[in-house]
Amino acid sequence: MEFAYTYLDSTGQENRGSLMAGNRAEALAKLRARGLTVTNLVEKASKEQRRFVLRKKIKSQDIYSISRELSTLLRSGIRIDRALELLRNGAKKQEMKELLTAVLQEIKAGGNVAHAFEKTDSFSPFLVSMIQVNEAAGNLQSAFENIAQYLKFQISFRAEIRNAMTYPIFLIFACILTFLAIFQFVVPRFFSIFGSNLETLPLPARVLYTLSGWINFKSLGIVLGLAGIVLLVRRLYPTRIKLPNLSARLILLPGVRTLIINLELSRFCYSMHSMLLSGVEFLRALRLSISLIQNVSFRNAMMPLVGRVKEGRKISDVFAEVPFLPDIVPNMVRVGEESSSLKEVFLELYAMFDERFKNSVKRLLTLVEPVIIIVMGLVVGFIVITLILTVMSVSSIKL
C-alpha cells in the first residue's frame, strides 16, 4: 500500500512525501522513526477505491456527533468499548458504523484509543493528539469534550462564512442569468433586423453583436462542464494545489488583507487554546496549529516560529518577529507567558479576532453588494444605450 503524507521539519516548514507500507500503523511507525512530525497521512486510493471516495467520506458533522456522544457516555461512567458499541448500534450511516467498528476492533485487540482513531484516517493528527494526551492522563472524557468543542467551532465558523456569502453569490448569479438572457435572446433578435449590413453600424453596436456570439447558454454549459470535470478530478485525486503567488497578492490587498489575517488568527488561536487545554506540549501544539493555516503566505511567515521556540527563545519575542501579526498578539502572549496562562490568552485572542473577522466581513459585504449592483447597471445601461444609438444611426442614414 502506498501512503502520501505531509510533515513539518525542525524549522516548521511543511513538506510532502510518499512511502510504501503494509498498513497505516506501519506507515506511521516508519515516519515517527525518522523523527518527523506528521500532520496528514492518507492512503493513495486505487482505481477501484476512487469510485467510492464520495460515498465513504466522513463529514466533520459526523465526527462532531461521535465526539460529543462519546464525551456524554464517558462522563456517565460507561467504559470506552461499551460506549463505542452503543454508538455503533445506534448509527444510521454506514460509514459511521464502519468507523466505529474499526475503532472498537482495534481497542479490543489491545490497541490504545488514540491509535485506534488514528488508524481510521478520519481523525486528523490534531484531534488524535488531544486523545493521546488525555488518554495518558486517564481522562478520555475531556479529550472528546474538547474535540467536540473544537469541531463545533469549525462547523459554525464555516456556516458563518457560507451565510455571509449567500446574498452576494445570489446577486452574482442573478447578474449572470440576466446577461445571458440579454445576449442569448434580445441582442441577436435585435441585430437580425439589419441582416448583413452590420458593418454600417456604430462601433459599440458591432462590439455588442460580437459579444452576443460568445456569451450564451451553450458557452455557460461548456464552462460549467469543465468546472465539474476539474472538481471531480480533484475529488478522485485529492491533492492540494498550491497558489503561493495568489495568496501573497491577496494578503497584500488592504481590505482582503485584514479579512484574511483576522480569519487565520481566529482559527490559529482557537486551535492553540484547544491543544493546550488538552495538555498537548506547546511546541507540538504550535506545529499542528500552524499546519491548519490555509493561506500559504501567512503559513510560511508563521512556520519559522517552531524552530525559534525550539532554540529556547521567548515565545512572545518570536511572535513579535512575524510581520503579519498585530502588536496585540505578542503583547498578550507575553502576559500569558509570564503568568503561565497561555491557553486562556489564546482563547481571549480568538474571541477578539473572531469579532474582528465578523466585522470585516460585514464591512466587505456592504461594499461588495452595491458594487455588484452598479456593475450590473453599467452593463445593462451600455446595452440599452448601444441599442438606442444603433436605431438612431439607422434612422439618420435613411433620412
Foldseek 3Di string as FASTA:
>chain_A
DKKKWWFADQQLDIDIDMDDDPADVRVVVVCVVVVTGTFAMDHQDDPVVLVCLVVQADDLVNLLVLLVQLLVCVVVVDDNLVSLVVCLVPDPRPNSVVLSVQQNVCVVVPHDNLVSNVRSRNDTPLLSLLCVLCVVVVHNSLSSVLSSVLSVVVVVLVVLVVVLCVVLVVLVVVLLVVVQCCLAPVLVVLCVVVPPPVVLFDPLNVVSVVVSVQRHVVNVVVVVVVVVVVVSVCSSRVDDDDDLVVLVVQCPDVLSVLLLLLVLLLQLLSQQLSCVVSPHDNLSSQSNSLVPRDRPVQSVLSSSLSNVVVVVDQSLVSVVPRPSDDNVVSVLCVVCSVVVNSSVSSVVSSVVSVVSNSVSSVVVSVVSVVVSVVVSVVVVVSVVVSSVSRVVSVVVVVD
